């Protein structure tokens, strides 16, 4: 998958997350864990400022997503948005 494919998948994930879809929640959790883990591994090889920021951002997104998880799993009537 090239850069274009990754961009499309990222936009799809953000759409689901912003629309409070359960699949958007899980994709964001997986993305944050994967991106944070990769950034952490890079940090052990190259201690540079941008990589530290990537790890911190991934952890912040993960904490916030877990904090608001109830909103993703709340059910609403069919004609009412959440």
Protein backbone atom coordinates (compact mmCIF):
# COMPACT_ATOMS: atom_id res chain seq x y z
CA UNK A 1 0.00 0.00 0.00
CA UNK A 2 1.48 3.31 -1.05
CA UNK A 3 1.16 6.68 0.59
CA UNK A 4 -2.16 7.34 -1.16
CA UNK A 5 -3.68 4.15 0.25
CA UNK A 6 -2.52 4.99 3.76
CA UNK A 7 -4.03 8.46 3.41
CA UNK A 8 -7.39 7.06 2.31
CA UNK A 9 -7.42 4.58 5.21
CA UNK A 10 -6.52 7.38 7.64
CA UNK A 11 -9.33 9.59 6.33
CA UNK A 12 -11.78 6.68 6.64
CA UNK A 13 -10.62 6.07 10.23
CA UNK A 14 -10.97 9.76 11.16
CA UNK A 15 -14.46 9.86 9.59
CA UNK A 16 -15.58 6.93 11.75
CA UNK A 17 -13.98 8.46 14.84
CA UNK A 18 -15.55 11.89 14.31
CA UNK A 19 -18.98 10.33 13.62
CA UNK A 20 -18.63 8.34 16.88
CA UNK A 21 -18.79 4.94 15.17
CA UNK A 22 -17.70 1.86 17.11
CA UNK A 23 -15.40 0.81 14.28
CA UNK A 24 -13.85 4.30 14.34
CA UNK A 25 -13.17 3.87 18.05
CA UNK A 26 -11.40 0.53 17.54
CA UNK A 27 -9.46 1.72 14.51
CA UNK A 28 -8.22 4.76 16.45
CA UNK A 29 -7.19 2.55 19.39
CA UNK A 30 -5.27 0.21 17.05
CA UNK A 31 -3.70 3.11 15.16
CA UNK A 32 -2.60 4.90 18.34
CA UNK A 33 -1.08 1.74 19.83
CA UNK A 34 0.69 0.83 16.59
CA UNK A 35 1.93 4.35 15.87
CA UNK A 36 3.04 4.82 19.48
CA UNK A 37 4.85 1.47 19.51
CA UNK A 38 6.67 2.18 16.24
CA UNK A 39 7.63 5.67 17.46
CA UNK A 40 8.86 4.19 20.75
CA UNK A 41 11.03 1.67 18.89
CA UNK A 42 12.47 4.47 16.75
CA UNK A 43 13.10 6.48 19.91
CA UNK A 44 15.35 3.72 21.27
CA UNK A 45 17.51 3.99 18.13
CA UNK A 46 17.37 7.73 17.43
CA UNK A 47 16.63 9.97 20.46
CA UNK A 48 15.27 12.97 18.56
CA UNK A 49 12.63 15.52 19.52
CA UNK A 50 10.02 14.77 16.77
CA UNK A 51 9.91 11.09 17.70
CA UNK A 52 9.33 11.94 21.37
CA UNK A 53 6.42 14.14 20.27
CA UNK A 54 4.94 11.25 18.28
CA UNK A 55 5.01 8.98 21.34
CA UNK A 56 3.45 11.67 23.55
CA UNK A 57 0.74 12.44 20.98
CA UNK A 58 -0.13 8.75 20.58
CA UNK A 59 -0.43 8.33 24.34
CA UNK A 60 -2.62 11.45 24.62
CA UNK A 61 -4.96 10.26 21.83
CA UNK A 62 -5.15 6.81 23.43
CA UNK A 63 -5.97 8.22 26.88
CA UNK A 64 -8.62 10.58 25.50
CA UNK A 65 -10.20 7.86 23.36
CA UNK A 66 -10.45 5.51 26.33
CA UNK A 67 -11.80 8.35 28.49
CA UNK A 68 -14.71 9.06 26.10
CA UNK A 69 -15.36 5.41 25.14
CA UNK A 70 -18.87 5.39 26.60
CA UNK A 71 -20.02 7.89 23.97
CA UNK A 72 -19.01 5.47 21.21
CA UNK A 73 -21.03 2.63 22.69
CA UNK A 74 -24.14 4.65 23.54
CA UNK A 75 -27.20 3.70 21.54
CA UNK A 76 -29.61 6.33 20.31
CA UNK A 77 -33.00 6.05 18.62
CA UNK A 78 -32.73 5.52 14.88
CA UNK A 79 -33.84 9.02 13.92
CA UNK A 80 -31.67 10.79 16.51
CA UNK A 81 -27.96 11.38 16.15
CA UNK A 82 -25.67 10.90 19.12
